Every structure is written in structure tokens, then in C-alpha cells.
Amino acid sequence: MRCLKKTFRDILPVAAGGLLPLLMAGPAHAIQAHGPPEGIYVHQIGHILFGMAMLGFALRIRISRLMVRKSWQLMALGALLLFFWNGWAFIAHILAAKVPASDFITNNQGIRMWMIIHNPVDLCYFIFKMDHLLCVPAIICIYRSLKRMNESTPRSLKRL
């Protein structure tokens, strides 16, 4: 017990000093808006690269011996869903450029709250903005996959 008190006394000033910068936090500027057209191009390239990576990952699992395990089947399904999500989001970004700002009703802060659908492009945009219908199931599949892998880990490895 005496050793624990001494350790706590030694760690407390270091921990307090480490937390002090959090109390003096300022803007992080972590999100940078890039003006058109470069910003959307870079973002779209990101969707293409991420989508191809997920497709490659799913195919590698599919052709390997890992596919016999349920956990890896779920991982491959999650990766495949993320591939489709990237394509879905890619199309949504293209459609977003086609929908005029006048089709949206904003609140007092200027946040878009509702959309008035005037034509098929507006309807497609509305449907393609529901990309969470692909993304959330993908993340759930990956989570369930990792959970299964963790549960099937031999006890000797869990002690590490």
C-alpha cells in the first residue's frame, strides 16, 4: 500500500501537467475548407482510393483460407459494403453540385433543414445523401467481426 501511495504522488504532478494544456485549449484548425474545385477533387480521389482499398481487402479475404471463418466473412462483408458506400458517396457529391441552394430551407443559423424536391436530380440527391444506410451496416459488420475474433483468441494470447 505504501508503494502505491508513493507511485500516486509521483504520477499526480505529471498527470496534472499533461492535462493543463487541455484547460487552455484554443481552436485546433483541424478542418480546413478547400475552395472549389480542388477540395472536391481531392475528396473524390479519396473516395476512389478508399473504395479500391476496401474492394481489394474484401477480395483478398475471399480468395484466402480465412473465408472459412465467420469472423472473416463478416470482415469481408463490411469491406464490401464500404466499397459500395464510397461509390454511393462519390455519386452523392456529384449530385450535390447539381442541386441549387434555393432547393433547401434553412433554419435561423443557416443550417439546411429541409429540401424541396423539384426534379429527378433533386430526388436522386435526396436518396444518395442517405449513405448511412450502407456505412452503418458496414461498421457493424466490422465490429462484429472484430468481436468474434477477440472471443476466439486463445487464452494464452489474451494474457499478453
C-alpha atoms as a PDB file:
ATOM      1  CA  MET A   1       0.000   0.000   0.000  1.00  0.00           C
ATOM      2  CA  ARG A   2       2.864   2.320   0.844  1.00  0.00           C
ATOM      3  CA  CYS A   3       4.362   1.767  -2.621  1.00  0.00           C
ATOM      4  CA  LEU A   4       1.018   2.630  -4.236  1.00  0.00           C
ATOM      5  CA  LYS A   5       0.805   5.965  -2.353  1.00  0.00           C
ATOM      6  CA  LYS A   6       4.336   6.858  -3.397  1.00  0.00           C
ATOM      7  CA  THR A   7       3.619   5.997  -7.031  1.00  0.00           C
ATOM      8  CA  PHE A   8       0.416   8.043  -6.983  1.00  0.00           C
ATOM      9  CA  ARG A   9       2.292  11.048  -5.516  1.00  0.00           C
ATOM     10  CA  ASP A  10       4.909  10.741  -8.260  1.00  0.00           C
ATOM     11  CA  ILE A  11       2.383  10.461 -11.087  1.00  0.00           C
ATOM     12  CA  LEU A  12      -0.036  13.169  -9.945  1.00  0.00           C
ATOM     13  CA  PRO A  13       2.111  16.202 -10.925  1.00  0.00           C
ATOM     14  CA  VAL A  14       2.915  14.662 -14.296  1.00  0.00           C
ATOM     15  CA  ALA A  15      -0.755  13.874 -14.963  1.00  0.00           C
ATOM     16  CA  ALA A  16      -1.839  17.354 -13.869  1.00  0.00           C
ATOM     17  CA  GLY A  17       0.810  18.915 -16.098  1.00  0.00           C
ATOM     18  CA  GLY A  18      -0.361  16.769 -19.010  1.00  0.00           C
ATOM     19  CA  LEU A  19      -3.980  17.816 -18.511  1.00  0.00           C
ATOM     20  CA  LEU A  20      -3.204  21.506 -18.090  1.00  0.00           C
ATOM     21  CA  PRO A  21      -2.973  22.204 -21.861  1.00  0.00           C
ATOM     22  CA  LEU A  22      -6.497  20.812 -22.248  1.00  0.00           C
ATOM     23  CA  LEU A  23      -7.819  23.557 -19.980  1.00  0.00           C
ATOM     24  CA  MET A  24      -6.193  26.208 -22.160  1.00  0.00           C
ATOM     25  CA  ALA A  25      -7.441  24.819 -25.457  1.00  0.00           C
ATOM     26  CA  GLY A  26      -7.965  27.085 -28.432  1.00  0.00           C
ATOM     27  CA  PRO A  27      -9.139  26.459 -31.984  1.00  0.00           C
ATOM     28  CA  ALA A  28      -7.440  23.385 -33.445  1.00  0.00           C
ATOM     29  CA  HIS A  29      -7.993  24.312 -37.089  1.00  0.00           C
ATOM     30  CA  ALA A  30      -8.171  20.591 -37.810  1.00  0.00           C
ATOM     31  CA  ILE A  31     -10.741  21.011 -40.559  1.00  0.00           C
ATOM     32  CA  GLN A  32      -9.643  23.079 -43.487  1.00  0.00           C
ATOM     33  CA  ALA A  33     -12.076  24.019 -46.161  1.00  0.00           C
ATOM     34  CA  HIS A  34     -10.549  23.998 -49.605  1.00  0.00           C
ATOM     35  CA  GLY A  35     -12.174  26.155 -52.192  1.00  0.00           C
ATOM     36  CA  PRO A  36     -13.534  24.833 -55.412  1.00  0.00           C
ATOM     37  CA  PRO A  37     -12.580  22.985 -57.458  1.00  0.00           C
ATOM     38  CA  GLU A  38      -9.530  21.437 -55.720  1.00  0.00           C
ATOM     39  CA  GLY A  39     -11.326  20.480 -52.499  1.00  0.00           C
ATOM     40  CA  ILE A  40     -13.964  18.286 -54.106  1.00  0.00           C
ATOM     41  CA  TYR A  41     -11.410  16.719 -56.468  1.00  0.00           C
ATOM     42  CA  VAL A  42      -9.174  15.656 -53.598  1.00  0.00           C
ATOM     43  CA  HIS A  43     -12.176  14.391 -51.646  1.00  0.00           C
ATOM     44  CA  GLN A  44     -13.449  12.379 -54.611  1.00  0.00           C
ATOM     45  CA  ILE A  45      -9.980  10.891 -55.195  1.00  0.00           C
ATOM     46  CA  GLY A  46     -10.068   9.852 -51.532  1.00  0.00           C
ATOM     47  CA  HIS A  47     -13.360   8.026 -52.117  1.00  0.00           C
ATOM     48  CA  ILE A  48     -11.872   6.244 -55.139  1.00  0.00           C
ATOM     49  CA  LEU A  49      -8.725   5.166 -53.279  1.00  0.00           C
ATOM     50  CA  PHE A  50     -10.566   4.094 -50.134  1.00  0.00           C
ATOM     51  CA  GLY A  51     -13.150   2.228 -52.207  1.00  0.00           C
ATOM     52  CA  MET A  52     -10.466   0.369 -54.175  1.00  0.00           C
ATOM     53  CA  ALA A  53      -8.643  -0.500 -50.946  1.00  0.00           C
ATOM     54  CA  MET A  54     -11.829  -1.963 -49.449  1.00  0.00           C
ATOM     55  CA  LEU A  55     -12.588  -3.922 -52.622  1.00  0.00           C
ATOM     56  CA  GLY A  56      -9.042  -5.309 -52.669  1.00  0.00           C
ATOM     57  CA  PHE A  57      -9.271  -6.201 -48.977  1.00  0.00           C
ATOM     58  CA  ALA A  58     -12.595  -7.995 -49.463  1.00  0.00           C
ATOM     59  CA  LEU A  59     -11.272  -9.923 -52.473  1.00  0.00           C
ATOM     60  CA  ARG A  60      -8.084 -10.950 -50.659  1.00  0.00           C
ATOM     61  CA  ILE A  61     -10.154 -12.329 -47.795  1.00  0.00           C
ATOM     62  CA  ARG A  62     -12.455 -14.077 -50.270  1.00  0.00           C
ATOM     63  CA  ILE A  63      -9.653 -15.929 -52.079  1.00  0.00           C
ATOM     64  CA  SER A  64      -7.757 -16.827 -48.895  1.00  0.00           C
ATOM     65  CA  ARG A  65      -8.332 -19.592 -46.390  1.00  0.00           C
ATOM     66  CA  LEU A  66      -9.679 -17.015 -43.960  1.00  0.00           C
ATOM     67  CA  MET A  67     -13.062 -17.043 -45.688  1.00  0.00           C
ATOM     68  CA  VAL A  68     -13.996 -20.284 -43.889  1.00  0.00           C
ATOM     69  CA  ARG A  69     -14.194 -18.381 -40.605  1.00  0.00           C
ATOM     70  CA  LYS A  70     -17.371 -16.475 -39.813  1.00  0.00           C
ATOM     71  CA  SER A  71     -15.413 -13.559 -38.367  1.00  0.00           C
ATOM     72  CA  TRP A  72     -13.534 -13.047 -41.647  1.00  0.00           C
ATOM     73  CA  GLN A  73     -16.739 -13.436 -43.659  1.00  0.00           C
ATOM     74  CA  LEU A  74     -18.161 -10.534 -41.662  1.00  0.00           C
ATOM     75  CA  MET A  75     -14.968  -8.534 -42.218  1.00  0.00           C
ATOM     76  CA  ALA A  76     -15.165  -9.141 -45.981  1.00  0.00           C
ATOM     77  CA  LEU A  77     -18.839  -8.133 -45.996  1.00  0.00           C
ATOM     78  CA  GLY A  78     -18.016  -4.946 -44.087  1.00  0.00           C
ATOM     79  CA  ALA A  79     -15.217  -4.101 -46.537  1.00  0.00           C
ATOM     80  CA  LEU A  80     -17.502  -4.786 -49.499  1.00  0.00           C
ATOM     81  CA  LEU A  81     -20.192  -2.544 -48.031  1.00  0.00           C
ATOM     82  CA  LEU A  82     -17.603   0.211 -47.553  1.00  0.00           C
ATOM     83  CA  PHE A  83     -16.621  -0.209 -51.214  1.00  0.00           C
ATOM     84  CA  PHE A  84     -20.238   0.349 -52.236  1.00  0.00           C
ATOM     85  CA  TRP A  85     -20.566   3.213 -49.732  1.00  0.00           C
ATOM     86  CA  ASN A  86     -17.634   5.007 -51.363  1.00  0.00           C
ATOM     87  CA  GLY A  87     -19.267   4.712 -54.792  1.00  0.00           C
ATOM     88  CA  TRP A  88     -22.569   5.871 -53.319  1.00  0.00           C
ATOM     89  CA  ALA A  89     -20.941   8.891 -51.628  1.00  0.00           C
ATOM     90  CA  PHE A  90     -18.982   9.678 -54.816  1.00  0.00           C
ATOM     91  CA  ILE A  91     -22.249   9.941 -56.764  1.00  0.00           C
ATOM     92  CA  ALA A  92     -23.849  11.987 -53.954  1.00  0.00           C
ATOM     93  CA  HIS A  93     -21.046  14.552 -54.179  1.00  0.00           C
ATOM     94  CA  ILE A  94     -21.534  14.879 -57.949  1.00  0.00           C
ATOM     95  CA  LEU A  95     -25.281  15.346 -57.481  1.00  0.00           C
ATOM     96  CA  ALA A  96     -24.689  17.919 -54.718  1.00  0.00           C
ATOM     97  CA  ALA A  97     -23.105  20.220 -57.283  1.00  0.00           C
ATOM     98  CA  LYS A  98     -26.251  19.964 -59.426  1.00  0.00           C
ATOM     99  CA  VAL A  99     -28.772  20.920 -56.721  1.00  0.00           C
ATOM    100  CA  PRO A 100     -29.248  24.689 -56.315  1.00  0.00           C
ATOM    101  CA  ALA A 101     -29.162  26.265 -52.861  1.00  0.00           C
ATOM    102  CA  SER A 102     -32.711  27.523 -53.422  1.00  0.00           C
ATOM    103  CA  ASP A 103     -33.970  23.931 -53.083  1.00  0.00           C
ATOM    104  CA  PHE A 104     -33.121  23.978 -49.367  1.00  0.00           C
ATOM    105  CA  ILE A 105     -34.938  25.540 -46.445  1.00  0.00           C
ATOM    106  CA  THR A 106     -32.589  26.686 -43.690  1.00  0.00           C
ATOM    107  CA  ASN A 107     -33.082  27.428 -40.022  1.00  0.00           C
ATOM    108  CA  ASN A 108     -32.054  30.670 -38.258  1.00  0.00           C
ATOM    109  CA  GLN A 109     -28.413  29.595 -38.170  1.00  0.00           C
ATOM    110  CA  GLY A 110     -28.347  28.877 -41.909  1.00  0.00           C
ATOM    111  CA  ILE A 111     -28.238  25.094 -41.497  1.00  0.00           C
ATOM    112  CA  ARG A 112     -30.093  23.184 -44.196  1.00  0.00           C
ATOM    113  CA  MET A 113     -33.070  21.535 -42.522  1.00  0.00           C
ATOM    114  CA  TRP A 114     -35.407  20.569 -45.349  1.00  0.00           C
ATOM    115  CA  MET A 115     -35.263  20.065 -49.080  1.00  0.00           C
ATOM    116  CA  ILE A 116     -37.865  20.816 -51.706  1.00  0.00           C
ATOM    117  CA  ILE A 117     -37.754  18.220 -54.466  1.00  0.00           C
ATOM    118  CA  HIS A 118     -38.453  19.811 -57.857  1.00  0.00           C
ATOM    119  CA  ASN A 119     -36.986  17.315 -60.330  1.00  0.00           C
ATOM    120  CA  PRO A 120     -35.396  13.842 -60.662  1.00  0.00           C
ATOM    121  CA  VAL A 121     -31.914  15.196 -59.857  1.00  0.00           C
ATOM    122  CA  ASP A 122     -33.194  16.525 -56.531  1.00  0.00           C
ATOM    123  CA  LEU A 123     -34.796  13.165 -55.773  1.00  0.00           C
ATOM    124  CA  CYS A 124     -31.598  11.284 -56.644  1.00  0.00           C
ATOM    125  CA  TYR A 125     -29.596  13.659 -54.466  1.00  0.00           C
ATOM    126  CA  PHE A 126     -32.002  13.076 -51.579  1.00  0.00           C
ATOM    127  CA  ILE A 127     -31.668   9.287 -51.955  1.00  0.00           C
ATOM    128  CA  PHE A 128     -27.890   9.323 -52.371  1.00  0.00           C
ATOM    129  CA  LYS A 129     -27.450  11.508 -49.262  1.00  0.00           C
ATOM    130  CA  MET A 130     -28.683   8.521 -47.242  1.00  0.00           C
ATOM    131  CA  ASP A 131     -25.248   6.915 -47.436  1.00  0.00           C
ATOM    132  CA  HIS A 132     -25.501   5.937 -43.776  1.00  0.00           C
ATOM    133  CA  LEU A 133     -27.735   3.065 -44.934  1.00  0.00           C
ATOM    134  CA  LEU A 134     -24.548   1.449 -46.297  1.00  0.00           C
ATOM    135  CA  CYS A 135     -21.933   2.862 -43.943  1.00  0.00           C
ATOM    136  CA  VAL A 136     -23.552   1.909 -40.630  1.00  0.00           C
ATOM    137  CA  PRO A 137     -24.137  -1.768 -41.559  1.00  0.00           C
ATOM    138  CA  ALA A 138     -20.525  -1.921 -42.800  1.00  0.00           C
ATOM    139  CA  ILE A 139     -19.205  -0.660 -39.480  1.00  0.00           C
ATOM    140  CA  ILE A 140     -21.485  -3.061 -37.586  1.00  0.00           C
ATOM    141  CA  CYS A 141     -20.143  -5.984 -39.667  1.00  0.00           C
ATOM    142  CA  ILE A 142     -16.560  -4.960 -38.954  1.00  0.00           C
ATOM    143  CA  TYR A 143     -17.331  -4.512 -35.250  1.00  0.00           C
ATOM    144  CA  ARG A 144     -18.998  -7.945 -35.028  1.00  0.00           C
ATOM    145  CA  SER A 145     -16.074  -9.442 -36.924  1.00  0.00           C
ATOM    146  CA  LEU A 146     -13.511  -7.992 -34.519  1.00  0.00           C
ATOM    147  CA  LYS A 147     -15.636  -9.033 -31.545  1.00  0.00           C
ATOM    148  CA  ARG A 148     -15.755 -12.633 -32.832  1.00  0.00           C
ATOM    149  CA  MET A 149     -12.012 -12.607 -33.435  1.00  0.00           C
ATOM    150  CA  ASN A 150     -11.415 -11.380 -29.898  1.00  0.00           C
ATOM    151  CA  GLU A 151     -13.717 -14.019 -28.421  1.00  0.00           C
ATOM    152  CA  SER A 152     -11.991 -16.805 -30.349  1.00  0.00           C
ATOM    153  CA  THR A 153      -8.480 -15.727 -29.306  1.00  0.00           C
ATOM    154  CA  PRO A 154      -6.748 -18.465 -27.283  1.00  0.00           C
ATOM    155  CA  ARG A 155      -6.441 -17.691 -23.567  1.00  0.00           C
ATOM    156  CA  SER A 156      -2.653 -17.764 -23.770  1.00  0.00           C
ATOM    157  CA  LEU A 157      -2.728 -14.759 -26.123  1.00  0.00           C
ATOM    158  CA  LYS A 158      -5.268 -12.824 -24.052  1.00  0.00           C
ATOM    159  CA  ARG A 159      -2.805 -12.643 -21.137  1.00  0.00           C
ATOM    160  CA  LEU A 160      -0.350 -10.622 -23.256  1.00  0.00           C
END
